[in-house]
Amino acid sequence: MTLIPLFKSVLLIALVALSGQALAYSPEELAKSCKKPRFTDFNLPEYKAPDNIEVSPKAEFFIKISAWIDPTTITLTAKKLPLPFTVETTSTFFKIKAQLPAEYTGEFVRINVGATAVLGCDDNTGWLIKVADH
């Protein structure tokens, strides 16, 4: 008779332990379930051979970012320094707008953008541009 309550207790503990493991997400599973931010439509030409296209000093630019990000997590840098930007919101994407600082005239500039998705995964990307010397 005393084995039945003991068996029920062991069974209950085993079920609780298994259900906790079933609900836990491994980092790999979380990465599969979270859509990383997408960055599109960067409107300045990248500096690439053979074209080597340069952009105008103080050029304005924009980048579209997928709608499933948290807009408060957006970062934008030029030459590793924070760059001020504005955010426009639509139902399908966020559009950030910024302007190259005048002091980058004649220089190579790496523009980097990053953001975190609402579910927690993040991503970033960047473009190399050459600012004209005029």
N, C-alpha and C. Protein backbone atom coordinates (compact mmCIF):
# COMPACT_ATOMS: atom_id res chain seq x y z
N MET A 1 0.80 -1.19 0.00
CA MET A 1 0.00 0.00 0.00
C MET A 1 0.86 1.26 0.00
N THR A 2 1.97 1.27 0.64
CA THR A 2 2.79 2.47 0.69
C THR A 2 3.54 2.71 -0.61
N LEU A 3 3.60 1.73 -1.50
CA LEU A 3 4.28 1.91 -2.76
C LEU A 3 3.46 2.77 -3.73
N ILE A 4 2.16 2.72 -3.66
CA ILE A 4 1.31 3.47 -4.59
C ILE A 4 1.47 4.98 -4.40
N PRO A 5 1.40 5.53 -3.18
CA PRO A 5 1.63 6.97 -3.03
C PRO A 5 3.04 7.38 -3.45
N LEU A 6 4.03 6.52 -3.17
CA LEU A 6 5.40 6.81 -3.58
C LEU A 6 5.51 6.83 -5.10
N PHE A 7 4.87 5.86 -5.76
CA PHE A 7 4.87 5.78 -7.22
C PHE A 7 4.21 7.03 -7.82
N LYS A 8 3.09 7.46 -7.23
CA LYS A 8 2.40 8.65 -7.72
C LYS A 8 3.28 9.89 -7.56
N SER A 9 4.01 9.99 -6.47
CA SER A 9 4.89 11.14 -6.25
C SER A 9 6.02 11.16 -7.27
N VAL A 10 6.63 10.00 -7.52
CA VAL A 10 7.72 9.91 -8.48
C VAL A 10 7.19 10.24 -9.88
N LEU A 11 6.02 9.72 -10.21
CA LEU A 11 5.40 9.98 -11.51
C LEU A 11 5.10 11.47 -11.68
N LEU A 12 4.59 12.11 -10.65
CA LEU A 12 4.29 13.54 -10.69
C LEU A 12 5.56 14.36 -10.90
N ILE A 13 6.62 14.02 -10.19
CA ILE A 13 7.89 14.75 -10.33
C ILE A 13 8.45 14.57 -11.74
N ALA A 14 8.36 13.37 -12.28
CA ALA A 14 8.85 13.10 -13.63
C ALA A 14 8.06 13.90 -14.66
N LEU A 15 6.75 13.95 -14.50
CA LEU A 15 5.92 14.70 -15.45
C LEU A 15 6.20 16.19 -15.39
N VAL A 16 6.39 16.73 -14.21
CA VAL A 16 6.70 18.15 -14.07
C VAL A 16 8.06 18.45 -14.71
N ALA A 17 9.04 17.60 -14.49
CA ALA A 17 10.37 17.82 -15.07
C ALA A 17 10.31 17.75 -16.59
N LEU A 18 9.60 16.80 -17.13
CA LEU A 18 9.49 16.67 -18.58
C LEU A 18 8.72 17.82 -19.20
N SER A 19 7.68 18.29 -18.54
CA SER A 19 6.91 19.40 -19.11
C SER A 19 7.73 20.68 -19.11
N GLY A 20 8.57 20.89 -18.12
CA GLY A 20 9.45 22.07 -18.10
C GLY A 20 10.45 22.04 -19.23
N GLN A 21 10.98 20.87 -19.53
CA GLN A 21 11.92 20.74 -20.64
C GLN A 21 11.22 20.93 -21.97
N ALA A 22 10.00 20.50 -22.07
CA ALA A 22 9.27 20.63 -23.32
C ALA A 22 8.95 22.09 -23.61
N LEU A 23 8.78 22.90 -22.59
CA LEU A 23 8.44 24.31 -22.79
C LEU A 23 9.68 25.19 -22.96
N ALA A 24 10.83 24.69 -22.58
CA ALA A 24 12.06 25.48 -22.69
C ALA A 24 12.55 25.51 -24.12
N TYR A 25 13.09 26.67 -24.54
CA TYR A 25 13.64 26.81 -25.88
C TYR A 25 15.16 26.85 -25.80
N SER A 26 15.79 26.08 -26.64
CA SER A 26 17.24 26.16 -26.73
C SER A 26 17.57 27.39 -27.59
N PRO A 27 18.79 27.90 -27.54
CA PRO A 27 19.15 29.05 -28.38
C PRO A 27 18.93 28.78 -29.87
N GLU A 28 19.19 27.53 -30.29
CA GLU A 28 18.97 27.18 -31.70
C GLU A 28 17.50 27.26 -32.07
N GLU A 29 16.63 26.78 -31.17
CA GLU A 29 15.19 26.82 -31.43
C GLU A 29 14.68 28.25 -31.44
N LEU A 30 15.20 29.09 -30.55
CA LEU A 30 14.79 30.49 -30.51
C LEU A 30 15.21 31.19 -31.79
N ALA A 31 16.42 30.91 -32.29
CA ALA A 31 16.90 31.52 -33.52
C ALA A 31 16.02 31.12 -34.70
N LYS A 32 15.53 29.89 -34.70
CA LYS A 32 14.66 29.44 -35.78
C LYS A 32 13.31 30.14 -35.72
N SER A 33 12.81 30.43 -34.52
CA SER A 33 11.48 31.01 -34.38
C SER A 33 11.48 32.53 -34.51
N CYS A 34 12.62 33.17 -34.42
CA CYS A 34 12.71 34.63 -34.47
C CYS A 34 13.18 35.08 -35.84
N LYS A 35 12.41 35.94 -36.48
CA LYS A 35 12.81 36.50 -37.77
C LYS A 35 13.74 37.68 -37.54
N LYS A 36 14.94 37.59 -38.12
CA LYS A 36 15.90 38.68 -37.98
C LYS A 36 15.42 39.90 -38.75
N PRO A 37 15.82 41.09 -38.33
CA PRO A 37 15.48 42.30 -39.08
C PRO A 37 16.04 42.23 -40.50
N ARG A 38 15.31 42.84 -41.43
CA ARG A 38 15.79 42.96 -42.81
C ARG A 38 16.00 44.43 -43.12
N PHE A 39 17.12 44.73 -43.79
CA PHE A 39 17.48 46.09 -44.16
C PHE A 39 17.51 46.16 -45.68
N THR A 40 16.70 47.03 -46.27
CA THR A 40 16.60 47.10 -47.73
C THR A 40 16.58 48.54 -48.21
N ASP A 41 16.71 48.67 -49.51
CA ASP A 41 16.52 49.94 -50.22
C ASP A 41 17.45 51.06 -49.79
N PHE A 42 18.67 50.73 -49.39
CA PHE A 42 19.66 51.78 -49.11
C PHE A 42 19.86 52.53 -50.42
N ASN A 43 19.63 53.83 -50.42
CA ASN A 43 19.55 54.55 -51.69
C ASN A 43 20.86 55.19 -52.18
N LEU A 44 21.95 55.09 -51.41
CA LEU A 44 23.22 55.60 -51.90
C LEU A 44 23.99 54.47 -52.59
N PRO A 45 24.77 54.79 -53.62
CA PRO A 45 25.53 53.73 -54.29
C PRO A 45 26.74 53.32 -53.45
N GLU A 46 26.93 52.02 -53.33
CA GLU A 46 28.12 51.53 -52.64
C GLU A 46 29.35 51.80 -53.50
N TYR A 47 30.47 52.01 -52.84
CA TYR A 47 31.72 52.26 -53.56
C TYR A 47 32.33 50.91 -53.91
N LYS A 48 32.21 50.52 -55.20
CA LYS A 48 32.71 49.23 -55.66
C LYS A 48 33.38 49.40 -57.01
N ALA A 49 34.45 48.63 -57.21
CA ALA A 49 35.09 48.60 -58.53
C ALA A 49 34.16 47.85 -59.49
N PRO A 50 34.09 48.11 -60.73
CA PRO A 50 34.92 49.07 -61.46
C PRO A 50 34.30 50.47 -61.49
N ASP A 51 33.07 50.64 -60.99
CA ASP A 51 32.36 51.92 -61.14
C ASP A 51 32.91 53.01 -60.23
N ASN A 52 33.23 52.67 -58.98
CA ASN A 52 33.76 53.63 -58.00
C ASN A 52 32.93 54.91 -57.94
N ILE A 53 31.62 54.74 -57.79
CA ILE A 53 30.71 55.89 -57.74
C ILE A 53 30.83 56.59 -56.39
N GLU A 54 30.97 57.91 -56.44
CA GLU A 54 31.04 58.73 -55.23
C GLU A 54 29.70 59.42 -55.00
N VAL A 55 29.41 59.76 -53.74
CA VAL A 55 28.17 60.46 -53.40
C VAL A 55 28.49 61.91 -53.04
N SER A 56 27.50 62.74 -53.14
CA SER A 56 27.67 64.16 -52.84
C SER A 56 27.88 64.38 -51.34
N PRO A 57 28.68 65.39 -50.99
CA PRO A 57 28.81 65.74 -49.56
C PRO A 57 27.43 66.11 -48.99
N LYS A 58 27.22 65.77 -47.75
CA LYS A 58 25.96 66.04 -47.05
C LYS A 58 24.76 65.38 -47.74
N ALA A 59 24.99 64.27 -48.43
CA ALA A 59 23.90 63.56 -49.11
C ALA A 59 22.91 63.00 -48.09
N GLU A 60 21.63 63.11 -48.43
CA GLU A 60 20.59 62.50 -47.61
C GLU A 60 20.38 61.07 -48.09
N PHE A 61 20.09 60.18 -47.15
CA PHE A 61 19.85 58.79 -47.53
C PHE A 61 18.78 58.18 -46.65
N PHE A 62 18.27 57.03 -47.10
CA PHE A 62 17.29 56.31 -46.30
C PHE A 62 17.55 54.82 -46.38
N ILE A 63 17.00 54.11 -45.41
CA ILE A 63 17.08 52.66 -45.33
C ILE A 63 15.73 52.18 -44.82
N LYS A 64 15.21 51.14 -45.46
CA LYS A 64 13.97 50.53 -44.98
C LYS A 64 14.33 49.33 -44.09
N ILE A 65 13.57 49.19 -42.99
CA ILE A 65 13.79 48.09 -42.05
C ILE A 65 12.45 47.38 -41.84
N SER A 66 12.50 46.06 -41.75
CA SER A 66 11.29 45.26 -41.61
C SER A 66 10.43 45.71 -40.43
N ALA A 67 9.14 45.47 -40.56
CA ALA A 67 8.16 45.95 -39.56
C ALA A 67 8.20 45.18 -38.25
N TRP A 68 8.85 44.03 -38.19
CA TRP A 68 8.83 43.22 -36.97
C TRP A 68 9.96 43.57 -36.01
N ILE A 69 10.53 44.76 -36.15
CA ILE A 69 11.58 45.18 -35.21
C ILE A 69 10.99 46.12 -34.16
N ASP A 70 11.73 46.31 -33.11
CA ASP A 70 11.40 47.32 -32.10
C ASP A 70 12.11 48.60 -32.53
N PRO A 71 11.38 49.64 -32.96
CA PRO A 71 12.03 50.84 -33.49
C PRO A 71 12.93 51.56 -32.49
N THR A 72 12.74 51.32 -31.22
CA THR A 72 13.60 51.97 -30.22
C THR A 72 14.99 51.36 -30.18
N THR A 73 15.20 50.23 -30.87
CA THR A 73 16.50 49.56 -30.86
C THR A 73 17.35 49.88 -32.09
N ILE A 74 16.85 50.71 -32.99
CA ILE A 74 17.58 51.03 -34.21
C ILE A 74 18.85 51.82 -33.87
N THR A 75 19.97 51.40 -34.45
CA THR A 75 21.22 52.15 -34.33
C THR A 75 21.73 52.47 -35.73
N LEU A 76 22.29 53.65 -35.89
CA LEU A 76 22.85 54.07 -37.17
C LEU A 76 24.16 54.77 -36.89
N THR A 77 25.23 54.30 -37.55
CA THR A 77 26.54 54.93 -37.36
C THR A 77 27.19 55.19 -38.71
N ALA A 78 28.08 56.18 -38.73
CA ALA A 78 28.94 56.47 -39.87
C ALA A 78 30.34 56.62 -39.31
N LYS A 79 31.27 55.85 -39.84
CA LYS A 79 32.63 55.82 -39.31
C LYS A 79 32.63 55.51 -37.80
N LYS A 80 31.76 54.62 -37.39
CA LYS A 80 31.61 54.14 -36.01
C LYS A 80 31.09 55.20 -35.03
N LEU A 81 30.62 56.33 -35.55
CA LEU A 81 30.05 57.38 -34.69
C LEU A 81 28.54 57.43 -34.91
N PRO A 82 27.78 57.63 -33.83
CA PRO A 82 26.32 57.70 -33.98
C PRO A 82 25.92 58.79 -34.97
N LEU A 83 24.91 58.49 -35.76
CA LEU A 83 24.41 59.41 -36.77
C LEU A 83 22.94 59.70 -36.46
N PRO A 84 22.56 60.98 -36.34
CA PRO A 84 21.15 61.28 -36.07
C PRO A 84 20.27 60.86 -37.25
N PHE A 85 19.07 60.40 -36.94
CA PHE A 85 18.14 59.96 -37.98
C PHE A 85 16.71 60.16 -37.52
N THR A 86 15.79 60.13 -38.48
CA THR A 86 14.36 60.16 -38.19
C THR A 86 13.77 58.84 -38.63
N VAL A 87 12.65 58.47 -38.03
CA VAL A 87 11.98 57.21 -38.35
C VAL A 87 10.56 57.49 -38.83
N GLU A 88 10.23 56.97 -40.00
CA GLU A 88 8.85 57.00 -40.49
C GLU A 88 8.31 55.58 -40.34
N THR A 89 7.06 55.47 -39.91
CA THR A 89 6.44 54.18 -39.69
C THR A 89 5.33 53.95 -40.71
N THR A 90 5.33 52.76 -41.31
CA THR A 90 4.22 52.32 -42.15
C THR A 90 3.75 50.98 -41.61
N SER A 91 2.75 50.40 -42.22
CA SER A 91 2.27 49.11 -41.73
C SER A 91 3.20 47.97 -42.14
N THR A 92 4.09 48.20 -43.11
CA THR A 92 4.94 47.11 -43.60
C THR A 92 6.43 47.31 -43.35
N PHE A 93 6.86 48.50 -42.96
CA PHE A 93 8.28 48.73 -42.71
C PHE A 93 8.49 50.03 -41.95
N PHE A 94 9.72 50.19 -41.44
CA PHE A 94 10.18 51.46 -40.88
C PHE A 94 11.16 52.04 -41.89
N LYS A 95 11.14 53.33 -42.06
CA LYS A 95 12.06 54.00 -42.98
C LYS A 95 12.85 55.01 -42.16
N ILE A 96 14.17 54.82 -42.11
CA ILE A 96 14.99 55.80 -41.40
C ILE A 96 15.66 56.70 -42.43
N LYS A 97 15.73 57.98 -42.07
CA LYS A 97 16.35 58.98 -42.94
C LYS A 97 17.45 59.68 -42.16
N ALA A 98 18.55 59.96 -42.89
CA ALA A 98 19.68 60.65 -42.27
C ALA A 98 20.43 61.42 -43.34
N GLN A 99 21.42 62.19 -42.89
CA GLN A 99 22.25 62.98 -43.79
C GLN A 99 23.71 62.79 -43.40
N LEU A 100 24.56 62.67 -44.42
CA LEU A 100 26.00 62.55 -44.15
C LEU A 100 26.53 63.87 -43.59
N PRO A 101 27.34 63.82 -42.55
CA PRO A 101 27.93 65.05 -42.02
C PRO A 101 28.91 65.67 -43.02
N ALA A 102 28.99 66.98 -43.03
CA ALA A 102 29.86 67.71 -43.96
C ALA A 102 31.33 67.35 -43.79
N GLU A 103 31.73 67.00 -42.57
CA GLU A 103 33.15 66.70 -42.33
C GLU A 103 33.64 65.43 -43.02
N TYR A 104 32.74 64.64 -43.60
CA TYR A 104 33.15 63.43 -44.31
C TYR A 104 33.46 63.68 -45.78
N THR A 105 33.48 64.94 -46.22
CA THR A 105 33.79 65.27 -47.61
C THR A 105 35.17 64.73 -47.98
N GLY A 106 35.20 63.98 -49.10
CA GLY A 106 36.45 63.41 -49.59
C GLY A 106 36.89 62.13 -48.90
N GLU A 107 36.07 61.56 -48.02
CA GLU A 107 36.47 60.39 -47.25
C GLU A 107 35.65 59.15 -47.60
N PHE A 108 36.23 58.00 -47.27
CA PHE A 108 35.48 56.75 -47.30
C PHE A 108 34.68 56.66 -46.00
N VAL A 109 33.45 56.23 -46.09
CA VAL A 109 32.58 56.16 -44.92
C VAL A 109 31.86 54.82 -44.91
N ARG A 110 31.93 54.13 -43.80
CA ARG A 110 31.16 52.90 -43.62
C ARG A 110 29.92 53.27 -42.82
N ILE A 111 28.74 53.03 -43.41
CA ILE A 111 27.46 53.29 -42.74
C ILE A 111 26.95 51.95 -42.25
N ASN A 112 26.68 51.86 -40.95
CA ASN A 112 26.17 50.63 -40.34
C ASN A 112 24.82 50.89 -39.71
N VAL A 113 23.90 49.93 -39.85
CA VAL A 113 22.59 50.02 -39.24
C VAL A 113 22.30 48.69 -38.54
N GLY A 114 21.65 48.77 -37.40
CA GLY A 114 21.29 47.57 -36.65
C GLY A 114 19.95 47.76 -35.97
N ALA A 115 19.31 46.64 -35.63
CA ALA A 115 18.04 46.68 -34.92
C ALA A 115 17.78 45.32 -34.29
N THR A 116 16.85 45.30 -33.34
CA THR A 116 16.45 44.07 -32.67
C THR A 116 14.99 43.78 -32.98
N ALA A 117 14.70 42.53 -33.33
CA ALA A 117 13.33 42.12 -33.61
C ALA A 117 12.53 42.08 -32.32
N VAL A 118 11.23 42.16 -32.44
CA VAL A 118 10.35 42.14 -31.28
C VAL A 118 10.57 40.86 -30.46
N LEU A 119 10.86 39.74 -31.13
CA LEU A 119 11.08 38.48 -30.42
C LEU A 119 12.49 38.33 -29.87
N GLY A 120 13.35 39.33 -30.06
CA GLY A 120 14.64 39.34 -29.39
C GLY A 120 15.88 39.14 -30.24
N CYS A 121 15.77 38.54 -31.45
CA CYS A 121 16.98 38.37 -32.24
C CYS A 121 17.33 39.69 -32.93
N ASP A 122 18.60 39.86 -33.23
CA ASP A 122 19.02 41.13 -33.83
C ASP A 122 19.89 40.87 -35.05
N ASP A 123 20.13 41.92 -35.80
CA ASP A 123 20.99 41.83 -36.96
C ASP A 123 21.48 43.23 -37.29
N ASN A 124 22.51 43.29 -38.14
CA ASN A 124 23.01 44.57 -38.60
C ASN A 124 23.66 44.37 -39.96
N THR A 125 23.86 45.44 -40.66
CA THR A 125 24.52 45.41 -41.96
C THR A 125 25.15 46.77 -42.20
N GLY A 126 25.86 46.89 -43.30
CA GLY A 126 26.51 48.17 -43.59
C GLY A 126 26.92 48.28 -45.05
N TRP A 127 27.29 49.50 -45.42
CA TRP A 127 27.68 49.82 -46.79
C TRP A 127 28.87 50.76 -46.75
N LEU A 128 29.80 50.55 -47.67
CA LEU A 128 30.94 51.45 -47.82
C LEU A 128 30.62 52.43 -48.93
N ILE A 129 30.76 53.71 -48.63
CA ILE A 129 30.55 54.74 -49.65
C ILE A 129 31.77 55.64 -49.68
N LYS A 130 31.90 56.38 -50.77
CA LYS A 130 32.97 57.38 -50.91
C LYS A 130 32.29 58.70 -51.13
N VAL A 131 32.59 59.65 -50.27
CA VAL A 131 32.02 61.00 -50.38
C VAL A 131 32.94 61.82 -51.30
N ALA A 132 32.33 62.45 -52.29
CA ALA A 132 33.09 63.25 -53.25
C ALA A 132 33.80 64.40 -52.55
N ASP A 133 34.86 64.89 -53.20
CA ASP A 133 35.67 65.96 -52.63
C ASP A 133 35.33 67.29 -53.28
N HIS A 134 34.06 67.65 -53.26
CA HIS A 134 33.66 68.96 -53.85
C HIS A 134 32.54 69.57 -53.06
